[in-house]
Amino acid sequence: MASGRLTEDVYARIDASLAEADARVTATYPGEPTGRQPVHTVYVPANRFHTGLVGEWGEQALAVLEAHDCAHGSAQGLDAPADVLGRVRDKLAAEPIEDLRVDFEDGYGSPGDDVEDAEVVRCARELAAESVPFRGIRFKSFEAATRRRGIRTLDVFLEHLGGPPPGFVVTLPKVTDVDQVAAAADVLSELEKANGLALGTLRFEVQVETAQSVLSGDGTVALPAILRAADGRCSGLHFGTYDYSAGLGIAGAYQSMDHPAADFAKQFMQVAAAGRGVRLSDGSTNRLPVGDAAAVRAGWAEHTRSCAGRWNVGSTRAGTCTRTSCPAGSPPPTRSSVKPCRPRSTGCAPTSPRARAPPPRARSSTNPPPRRRWPPTSRAASTAAPWTSPTWPVVRTAPPSPASPPAPAERSYPDGHGVRSEPSRSEQARPQPARSEQRPG
């Protein structure tokens, strides 16, 4: 073995000088969390949650498969082999919902303290009896107008829950200042003392659905500060597609998980959470496979497309699960928050995006990356299919005259925001040059 010329004193001095940094890195970046991760979170308004809801959704989802000729392996709409469809049916029969969150925030509203107190007591008792691997509630935000009501909901719920079951977690929405996260951690600590729970039992997920939860007012990135303020209690970051997009002035017709503004926020989330034991949710969608055949298959296609598009982003946001676990024949009463989906999770998207996706192309001066265009020329089309990068070669021509743009399709949201349909003047699609452009292949 070669000896080298540096003495042991040099090695020891460098080790000593970095001892504090080593300890800091170990504490800040403990690595990826162990154990199972749910592939989705389903938010159900508190006044619509009831005992047996999970089983009912499973039955209705199986009925959707049967009604649309997928239960016998024909795979119309799902484009899946029969053995994968068998796994989907088994999953829906045994565990149609993995993470159930009873919503006392946007999906519920503010019916008054007496009404909400009674609903909290009922939901606490019924959620404890529900058979799901993960469960919890979303309480109202810690902004001044709703803070006391949110804390009271947490307090009363835990009092009547009979002890947090395994996989219990709560959601802190609409963070507009890092101090709100620190306050939430403080409240959970006090609730542990009041209910005789061990320190660190209660954990929460932060919904990233405001611009302030990505970028602080002083121009610094807020997400690392949010994780520090949580004092080890933050188990996940959930991207809130609709509130975040609306806060940036994006018209309802263009709000989706695939919007470049959403990608910007989620890339910050991914970097901030890497190695810190915090899991990510790719965003929320209210487009579920319900209604007629076209609507059902469009819903399946959206989730499958999302899975294929996110598998290559990284293990923290690998893709979505095909969610057939939703009510059939009625408007969806929930918002589903898409969590990462592992390739081997039973019941995941039935086709392998790795098998179908084309190999990546090497970039060069003759093969530049595609340019993104948002919003699409056709607003109505943008609500039906998320924007994707064009294939090569690309031919672009001048769009129709912007004098009379088509009206965007109206979309309703189950979070209490109503219908968003009218974009502002600044959100109109920009007219393109009146020429055709042929890119090299």
Protein backbone atom coordinates (compact mmCIF):
# COMPACT_ATOMS: atom_id res chain seq x y z
CA MET A 1 0.00 0.00 0.00
CA ALA A 2 1.39 3.41 -0.98
CA SER A 3 2.06 5.73 1.95
CA GLY A 4 1.76 9.22 0.39
CA ARG A 5 3.45 12.33 1.75
CA LEU A 6 0.76 13.80 4.01
CA THR A 7 1.09 13.05 7.70
CA GLU A 8 -1.69 11.70 9.93
CA ASP A 9 -1.95 15.15 11.52
CA VAL A 10 -3.27 16.57 8.24
CA TYR A 11 -5.95 13.87 7.94
CA ALA A 12 -6.97 14.36 11.56
CA ARG A 13 -7.12 18.15 11.20
CA ILE A 14 -9.38 17.94 8.13
CA ASP A 15 -11.66 15.43 9.87
CA ALA A 16 -11.93 17.72 12.89
CA SER A 17 -12.64 20.79 10.77
CA LEU A 18 -15.52 19.00 9.00
CA ALA A 19 -17.00 17.21 12.01
CA GLU A 20 -19.67 19.86 12.49
CA ALA A 21 -20.54 19.85 8.78
CA ASP A 22 -20.73 16.04 8.79
CA ALA A 23 -23.20 16.12 11.67
CA ARG A 24 -25.24 18.84 9.98
CA VAL A 25 -25.49 16.94 6.70
CA THR A 26 -26.45 13.73 8.48
CA ALA A 27 -29.21 15.49 10.43
CA THR A 28 -30.53 17.46 7.44
CA TYR A 29 -30.38 14.66 4.86
CA PRO A 30 -31.33 11.38 6.56
CA GLY A 31 -32.13 9.74 3.21
CA GLU A 32 -35.33 8.49 1.67
CA PRO A 33 -37.99 7.28 4.13
CA THR A 34 -38.55 3.58 4.51
CA GLY A 35 -41.86 1.78 4.36
CA ARG A 36 -44.78 1.88 2.01
CA GLN A 37 -45.82 4.99 0.15
CA PRO A 38 -49.44 5.48 -0.99
CA VAL A 39 -49.87 5.96 -4.71
CA HIS A 40 -52.65 8.52 -4.30
CA THR A 41 -54.53 10.62 -1.77
CA VAL A 42 -58.29 11.05 -2.07
CA TYR A 43 -59.83 14.14 -0.46
CA VAL A 44 -63.48 13.68 0.50
CA PRO A 45 -65.50 16.62 1.90
CA ALA A 46 -66.33 15.93 5.54
CA ASN A 47 -70.08 16.22 5.00
CA ARG A 48 -69.90 13.53 2.27
CA PHE A 49 -67.72 11.08 4.13
CA HIS A 50 -69.45 8.12 5.75
CA THR A 51 -68.73 4.63 6.98
CA GLY A 52 -68.25 2.16 4.15
CA LEU A 53 -67.26 4.79 1.57
CA VAL A 54 -64.07 2.97 0.61
CA GLY A 55 -65.89 -0.27 -0.16
CA GLU A 56 -68.57 1.56 -2.12
CA TRP A 57 -65.96 3.21 -4.31
CA GLY A 58 -64.34 -0.13 -5.00
CA GLU A 59 -67.66 -1.65 -6.07
CA GLN A 60 -68.47 1.29 -8.32
CA ALA A 61 -65.02 1.20 -9.89
CA LEU A 62 -65.39 -2.49 -10.69
CA ALA A 63 -68.77 -1.71 -12.22
CA VAL A 64 -67.09 0.90 -14.44
CA LEU A 65 -64.62 -1.71 -15.67
CA GLU A 66 -67.45 -4.11 -16.41
CA ALA A 67 -69.58 -1.48 -18.12
CA HIS A 68 -66.80 -0.39 -20.43
CA ASP A 69 -65.70 -3.82 -21.58
CA CYS A 70 -62.48 -3.89 -19.61
CA ALA A 71 -63.36 -6.57 -17.10
CA HIS A 72 -62.96 -9.38 -19.63
CA GLY A 73 -59.56 -8.42 -20.95
CA SER A 74 -60.54 -6.49 -24.05
CA ALA A 75 -58.79 -3.45 -22.53
CA GLN A 76 -60.70 -0.85 -24.51
CA GLY A 77 -59.65 2.54 -23.19
CA LEU A 78 -57.00 1.18 -20.82
CA ASP A 79 -54.77 -0.44 -23.43
CA ALA A 80 -53.64 -3.05 -20.91
CA PRO A 81 -52.94 -6.78 -21.06
CA ALA A 82 -55.38 -9.11 -19.35
CA ASP A 83 -53.02 -10.06 -16.51
CA VAL A 84 -52.58 -6.40 -15.53
CA LEU A 85 -56.34 -5.86 -15.63
CA GLY A 86 -56.63 -8.82 -13.28
CA ARG A 87 -54.31 -7.08 -10.85
CA VAL A 88 -56.37 -3.89 -11.16
CA ARG A 89 -59.55 -5.80 -10.33
CA ASP A 90 -57.90 -7.46 -7.34
CA LYS A 91 -56.67 -4.07 -6.13
CA LEU A 92 -60.10 -2.47 -6.44
CA ALA A 93 -61.71 -5.32 -4.57
CA ALA A 94 -59.22 -5.29 -1.69
CA GLU A 95 -57.93 -1.72 -1.41
CA PRO A 96 -59.49 0.81 -3.81
CA ILE A 97 -58.28 3.81 -1.78
CA GLU A 98 -54.82 3.87 -0.25
CA ASP A 99 -54.78 7.29 1.42
CA LEU A 100 -58.09 8.83 2.50
CA ARG A 101 -58.15 12.43 3.67
CA VAL A 102 -61.35 13.85 5.19
CA ASP A 103 -61.48 17.47 4.06
CA PHE A 104 -62.54 20.29 6.39
CA GLU A 105 -61.06 22.98 4.16
CA ASP A 106 -62.01 24.05 0.61
CA GLY A 107 -64.07 20.95 -0.09
CA TYR A 108 -66.12 21.52 3.06
CA GLY A 109 -66.52 25.26 3.56
CA SER A 110 -67.48 27.12 6.74
CA PRO A 111 -70.93 26.01 7.92
CA GLY A 112 -70.46 27.42 11.45
CA ASP A 113 -68.71 26.20 14.56
CA ASP A 114 -71.54 24.10 15.95
CA VAL A 115 -72.13 22.29 12.67
CA GLU A 116 -68.42 21.70 12.06
CA ASP A 117 -67.84 20.49 15.62
CA ALA A 118 -70.57 17.87 15.21
CA GLU A 119 -69.15 16.81 11.84
CA VAL A 120 -65.65 16.53 13.30
CA VAL A 121 -66.84 14.21 16.08
CA ARG A 122 -68.75 11.99 13.64
CA CYS A 123 -65.91 11.79 11.12
CA ALA A 124 -63.33 10.99 13.80
CA ARG A 125 -65.30 7.97 14.98
CA GLU A 126 -66.13 6.73 11.49
CA LEU A 127 -62.65 7.26 10.03
CA ALA A 128 -61.14 5.19 12.83
CA ALA A 129 -63.32 2.26 11.71
CA GLU A 130 -62.51 2.59 7.99
CA SER A 131 -60.16 0.03 6.46
CA VAL A 132 -57.42 2.01 4.69
CA PRO A 133 -53.65 1.85 5.12
CA PHE A 134 -53.33 5.67 5.32
CA ARG A 135 -55.83 8.22 6.58
CA GLY A 136 -56.12 11.70 8.04
CA ILE A 137 -57.78 15.08 7.72
CA ARG A 138 -57.13 18.40 6.05
CA PHE A 139 -57.93 21.25 8.42
CA LYS A 140 -58.27 24.94 7.63
CA SER A 141 -55.18 27.05 7.02
CA PHE A 142 -53.25 28.97 9.65
CA GLU A 143 -54.03 32.33 8.08
CA ALA A 144 -55.70 34.80 10.44
CA ALA A 145 -59.27 34.28 9.17
CA THR A 146 -59.31 30.49 9.62
CA ARG A 147 -56.52 29.72 12.13
CA ARG A 148 -58.59 29.23 15.28
CA ARG A 149 -61.15 27.10 13.46
CA GLY A 150 -58.40 24.92 12.00
CA ILE A 151 -56.77 24.37 15.40
CA ARG A 152 -60.13 23.59 16.99
CA THR A 153 -60.91 21.02 14.30
CA LEU A 154 -57.61 19.28 14.99
CA ASP A 155 -58.18 19.36 18.75
CA VAL A 156 -61.73 17.96 18.66
CA PHE A 157 -60.87 15.36 16.01
CA LEU A 158 -57.97 13.89 17.98
CA GLU A 159 -60.03 13.90 21.16
CA HIS A 160 -62.65 11.61 19.57
CA LEU A 161 -60.36 9.55 17.33
CA GLY A 162 -59.37 7.17 20.09
CA GLY A 163 -55.66 7.38 19.31
CA PRO A 164 -54.05 7.93 15.90
CA PRO A 165 -54.16 4.73 13.82
CA PRO A 166 -51.13 3.62 11.75
CA GLY A 167 -50.60 5.81 8.72
CA PHE A 168 -52.36 8.80 10.27
CA VAL A 169 -51.31 12.21 8.90
CA VAL A 170 -52.87 15.67 8.66
CA THR A 171 -52.58 18.30 5.94
CA LEU A 172 -51.63 21.95 6.40
CA PRO A 173 -53.00 23.94 3.42
CA LYS A 174 -52.30 27.38 1.94
CA VAL A 175 -48.99 28.22 3.57
CA THR A 176 -48.19 31.90 3.01
CA ASP A 177 -45.41 32.25 5.60
CA VAL A 178 -42.82 29.90 7.06
CA ASP A 179 -43.92 30.84 10.59
CA GLN A 180 -47.27 29.15 9.91
CA VAL A 181 -45.43 25.85 9.52
CA ALA A 182 -43.56 26.40 12.78
CA ALA A 183 -46.88 27.18 14.48
CA ALA A 184 -48.42 23.96 13.12
CA ALA A 185 -45.52 21.95 14.53
CA ASP A 186 -46.02 23.69 17.88
CA VAL A 187 -49.75 22.90 17.89
CA LEU A 188 -49.11 19.22 17.15
CA SER A 189 -46.61 19.09 20.00
CA GLU A 190 -49.19 20.54 22.39
CA LEU A 191 -51.82 18.09 21.13
CA GLU A 192 -49.46 15.19 21.83
CA LYS A 193 -49.12 16.37 25.43
CA ALA A 194 -52.88 16.88 25.82
CA ASN A 195 -53.69 13.42 24.45
CA GLY A 196 -50.88 11.50 26.13
CA LEU A 197 -49.06 10.71 22.88
CA ALA A 198 -45.36 10.15 22.44
CA LEU A 199 -43.31 13.05 21.10
CA GLY A 200 -43.24 13.02 17.32
CA THR A 201 -46.36 10.85 16.90
CA LEU A 202 -48.26 13.49 14.94
CA ARG A 203 -46.89 14.47 11.53
CA PHE A 204 -48.25 16.62 8.76
CA GLU A 205 -47.99 17.25 5.05
CA VAL A 206 -47.66 20.75 3.63
CA GLN A 207 -49.71 21.71 0.60
CA VAL A 208 -47.69 23.85 -1.78
CA GLU A 209 -50.50 25.86 -3.32
CA THR A 210 -49.36 29.48 -2.97
CA ALA A 211 -46.53 31.39 -4.60
CA GLN A 212 -45.27 32.31 -1.11
CA SER A 213 -44.68 28.65 -0.27
CA VAL A 214 -42.21 28.45 -3.17
CA LEU A 215 -40.59 31.89 -3.06
CA SER A 216 -40.55 34.03 0.09
CA GLY A 217 -41.15 37.75 0.08
CA ASP A 218 -37.43 38.43 0.46
CA GLY A 219 -36.66 36.50 -2.73
CA THR A 220 -35.28 33.37 -1.06
CA VAL A 221 -36.60 29.88 -1.75
CA ALA A 222 -39.20 29.11 0.93
CA LEU A 223 -39.33 25.32 0.68
CA PRO A 224 -36.10 24.50 2.57
CA ALA A 225 -37.16 26.95 5.30
CA ILE A 226 -40.57 25.24 5.47
CA LEU A 227 -38.93 21.87 6.05
CA ARG A 228 -36.69 23.33 8.77
CA ALA A 229 -39.64 25.02 10.47
CA ALA A 230 -41.54 21.73 10.60
CA ASP A 231 -38.91 20.43 13.04
CA GLY A 232 -38.92 16.91 11.63
CA ARG A 233 -42.73 16.60 11.51
CA CYS A 234 -43.19 17.22 7.76
CA SER A 235 -43.71 13.89 6.01
CA GLY A 236 -44.67 15.19 2.58
CA LEU A 237 -45.14 18.12 0.20
CA HIS A 238 -48.35 18.13 -1.86
CA PHE A 239 -48.60 20.36 -4.91
CA GLY A 240 -51.97 22.12 -5.09
CA THR A 241 -52.59 22.49 -8.80
CA TYR A 242 -55.66 24.70 -8.87
CA ASP A 243 -55.06 27.19 -6.07
CA TYR A 244 -51.43 27.66 -7.10
CA SER A 245 -52.37 28.21 -10.74
CA ALA A 246 -55.20 30.60 -9.85
CA GLY A 247 -52.84 32.56 -7.61
CA LEU A 248 -50.57 33.13 -10.61
CA GLY A 249 -53.49 34.39 -12.71
CA ILE A 250 -53.66 31.32 -14.94
CA ALA A 251 -57.14 30.92 -16.40
CA GLY A 252 -59.17 27.88 -15.39
CA ALA A 253 -59.06 26.37 -18.88
CA TYR A 254 -55.27 26.06 -18.65
CA GLN A 255 -54.83 24.91 -15.05
CA SER A 256 -53.28 21.43 -14.98
CA MET A 257 -50.43 19.41 -13.54
CA ASP A 258 -48.67 19.70 -16.91
CA HIS A 259 -48.58 23.50 -17.09
CA PRO A 260 -45.02 24.91 -17.18
CA ALA A 261 -45.81 26.99 -14.07
CA ALA A 262 -46.65 23.77 -12.22
CA ASP A 263 -43.43 22.16 -13.42
CA PHE A 264 -41.48 25.14 -12.12
CA ALA A 265 -42.91 24.76 -8.60
CA LYS A 266 -42.56 20.98 -8.55
CA GLN A 267 -38.92 21.11 -9.62
CA PHE A 268 -38.22 23.33 -6.62
CA MET A 269 -40.14 20.86 -4.43
CA GLN A 270 -38.13 17.96 -5.79
CA VAL A 271 -34.79 19.62 -5.13
CA ALA A 272 -35.80 20.86 -1.66
CA ALA A 273 -37.06 17.44 -0.54
CA ALA A 274 -34.30 15.28 -2.02
CA GLY A 275 -32.63 13.16 0.64
CA ARG A 276 -34.59 14.75 3.49
CA GLY A 277 -37.05 11.96 4.19
CA VAL A 278 -39.94 13.96 2.72
CA ARG A 279 -42.14 12.49 0.01
CA LEU A 280 -43.80 14.37 -2.81
CA SER A 281 -47.22 14.45 -4.42
CA ASP A 282 -47.29 15.44 -8.08
CA GLY A 283 -50.45 17.50 -7.85
CA SER A 284 -54.21 17.36 -7.72
CA THR A 285 -56.77 16.66 -10.40
CA ASN A 286 -60.56 16.64 -10.41
CA ARG A 287 -60.81 14.83 -13.72
CA LEU A 288 -61.88 11.32 -12.84
CA PRO A 289 -63.16 8.45 -15.01
CA VAL A 290 -66.88 8.99 -14.46
CA GLY A 291 -69.81 9.58 -16.81
CA ASP A 292 -70.32 8.19 -20.30
CA ALA A 293 -67.87 5.97 -22.18
CA ALA A 294 -65.97 8.87 -23.70
CA ALA A 295 -65.54 10.61 -20.34
CA VAL A 296 -64.44 7.41 -18.61
CA ARG A 297 -61.85 6.56 -21.21
CA ALA A 298 -60.63 10.16 -21.33
CA GLY A 299 -60.11 9.99 -17.57
CA TRP A 300 -58.20 6.74 -17.84
CA ALA A 301 -56.12 8.18 -20.68
CA GLU A 302 -55.22 11.28 -18.68
CA HIS A 303 -53.91 9.29 -15.73
CA THR A 304 -52.04 6.85 -17.95
CA ARG A 305 -50.53 9.74 -19.88
CA SER A 306 -49.49 11.40 -16.63
CA CYS A 307 -47.79 8.21 -15.51
CA ALA A 308 -45.88 7.88 -18.77
CA GLY A 309 -44.85 11.53 -18.65
CA ARG A 310 -43.62 11.47 -15.06
CA TRP A 311 -41.84 8.13 -14.88
CA ASN A 312 -38.65 9.63 -16.32
CA VAL A 313 -38.63 12.67 -14.02
CA GLY A 314 -37.26 10.79 -11.03
CA SER A 315 -38.24 8.39 -8.29
CA THR A 316 -39.85 11.17 -6.23
CA ARG A 317 -42.53 11.83 -8.85
CA ALA A 318 -42.50 8.74 -11.00
CA GLY A 319 -46.07 8.74 -12.23
CA THR A 320 -49.72 8.35 -11.41
CA CYS A 321 -51.89 5.38 -10.75
CA THR A 322 -54.89 4.54 -12.91
CA ARG A 323 -57.63 5.58 -10.54
CA THR A 324 -60.80 3.70 -11.34
CA SER A 325 -61.73 3.93 -7.66
CA CYS A 326 -64.24 6.71 -8.10
CA PRO A 327 -68.03 6.96 -8.08
CA ALA A 328 -69.68 5.97 -11.33
CA GLY A 329 -72.52 7.90 -12.85
CA SER A 330 -72.28 10.95 -10.60
CA PRO A 331 -70.12 14.08 -10.43
CA PRO A 332 -66.90 13.38 -8.52
CA PRO A 333 -67.20 14.70 -4.93
CA THR A 334 -63.47 14.74 -4.33
CA ARG A 335 -60.15 16.04 -5.44
CA SER A 336 -57.51 13.38 -5.94
CA SER A 337 -53.93 14.24 -5.18
CA VAL A 338 -51.54 12.21 -7.29
CA LYS A 339 -48.64 10.67 -5.43
CA PRO A 340 -45.65 8.90 -6.91
CA CYS A 341 -46.34 5.41 -8.20
CA ARG A 342 -43.77 2.67 -7.93
CA PRO A 343 -43.33 0.48 -11.01
CA ARG A 344 -44.21 -2.68 -9.05
CA SER A 345 -47.14 -1.36 -7.04
CA THR A 346 -50.20 -3.54 -7.53
CA GLY A 347 -52.91 -1.61 -9.30
CA CYS A 348 -50.67 1.00 -10.90
CA ALA A 349 -51.05 2.27 -14.42
CA PRO A 350 -51.54 -0.88 -16.45
CA THR A 351 -49.05 -0.20 -19.18
CA SER A 352 -45.35 0.22 -18.77
CA PRO A 353 -44.26 3.68 -19.91
CA ARG A 354 -40.69 2.45 -20.11
CA ALA A 355 -41.76 -0.13 -22.68
CA ARG A 356 -43.74 2.37 -24.76
CA ALA A 357 -41.69 5.56 -24.52
CA PRO A 358 -39.31 6.24 -27.42
CA PRO A 359 -35.61 6.40 -26.56
CA PRO A 360 -34.27 9.88 -25.79
CA ARG A 361 -32.70 11.72 -28.68
CA ALA A 362 -29.22 13.17 -28.40
CA ARG A 363 -29.30 16.96 -28.54
CA SER A 364 -27.11 18.78 -31.02
CA SER A 365 -27.12 21.91 -33.14
CA THR A 366 -29.17 20.06 -35.75
CA ASN A 367 -31.51 18.50 -33.18
CA PRO A 368 -32.37 21.18 -30.60
CA PRO A 369 -34.91 20.58 -27.82
CA PRO A 370 -38.52 21.45 -28.74
CA ARG A 371 -39.83 24.88 -27.84
CA ARG A 372 -42.74 24.96 -25.44
CA ARG A 373 -45.79 26.93 -26.40
CA TRP A 374 -48.35 27.80 -23.73
CA PRO A 375 -51.25 28.27 -23.87
CA PRO A 376 -52.18 26.14 -26.88
CA THR A 377 -53.79 27.81 -29.87
CA SER A 378 -57.05 25.99 -29.20
CA ARG A 379 -58.26 26.63 -25.67
CA ALA A 380 -60.97 24.00 -25.85
CA ALA A 381 -58.42 21.38 -26.78
CA SER A 382 -56.21 22.32 -23.84
CA THR A 383 -58.88 21.19 -21.38
CA ALA A 384 -59.16 17.77 -22.99
CA ALA A 385 -55.52 16.81 -23.35
CA PRO A 386 -52.47 18.16 -21.49
CA TRP A 387 -49.80 19.80 -23.67
CA THR A 388 -46.94 17.55 -24.68
CA SER A 389 -43.70 18.21 -26.53
CA PRO A 390 -44.13 17.85 -30.30
CA THR A 391 -42.43 15.08 -32.22
CA TRP A 392 -39.83 15.75 -34.91
CA PRO A 393 -39.94 17.16 -37.53
CA VAL A 394 -42.13 20.06 -36.43
CA VAL A 395 -44.10 22.18 -38.86
CA ARG A 396 -45.70 25.30 -37.45
CA THR A 397 -48.07 27.52 -39.39
CA ALA A 398 -49.83 30.74 -38.53
CA PRO A 399 -52.80 30.24 -36.16
CA PRO A 400 -56.31 31.45 -36.98
CA SER A 401 -56.99 35.15 -36.61
CA PRO A 402 -57.19 36.10 -32.92
CA ALA A 403 -60.07 38.48 -33.59
CA SER A 404 -62.66 35.95 -32.42
CA PRO A 405 -60.94 33.33 -30.24
CA PRO A 406 -62.97 30.27 -29.30
CA ALA A 407 -64.46 30.35 -25.82
CA PRO A 408 -62.71 28.01 -23.36
CA ALA A 409 -64.65 25.06 -22.06
CA GLU A 410 -66.07 25.62 -18.60
CA ARG A 411 -64.72 23.38 -15.84
CA SER A 412 -66.16 23.09 -12.37
CA TYR A 413 -64.01 22.37 -9.33
CA PRO A 414 -65.08 20.59 -6.13
CA ASP A 415 -63.00 22.86 -3.90
CA GLY A 416 -65.55 25.63 -3.58
CA HIS A 417 -64.07 27.90 -6.25
CA GLY A 418 -66.91 27.41 -8.73
CA VAL A 419 -66.44 27.65 -12.49
CA ARG A 420 -63.37 29.31 -13.94
CA SER A 421 -63.64 29.94 -17.65
CA GLU A 422 -62.82 33.51 -18.70
CA PRO A 423 -59.11 34.27 -19.25
CA SER A 424 -57.85 37.84 -18.85
CA ARG A 425 -56.51 39.85 -21.76
CA SER A 426 -52.92 39.04 -20.79
CA GLU A 427 -53.69 35.33 -20.96
CA GLN A 428 -54.85 35.31 -24.56
CA ALA A 429 -52.74 33.20 -26.88
CA ARG A 430 -50.11 35.30 -28.60
CA PRO A 431 -50.44 35.42 -32.42
CA GLN A 432 -47.67 33.56 -34.20
CA PRO A 433 -45.70 34.81 -37.23
CA ALA A 434 -47.45 34.20 -40.52
CA ARG A 435 -44.92 31.72 -41.84
CA SER A 436 -44.18 28.04 -41.83
CA GLU A 437 -41.12 26.73 -40.04
CA GLN A 438 -39.57 23.36 -40.81
CA ARG A 439 -37.16 22.07 -38.20
CA PRO A 440 -34.45 19.55 -39.01
CA GLY A 441 -35.09 16.00 -37.87
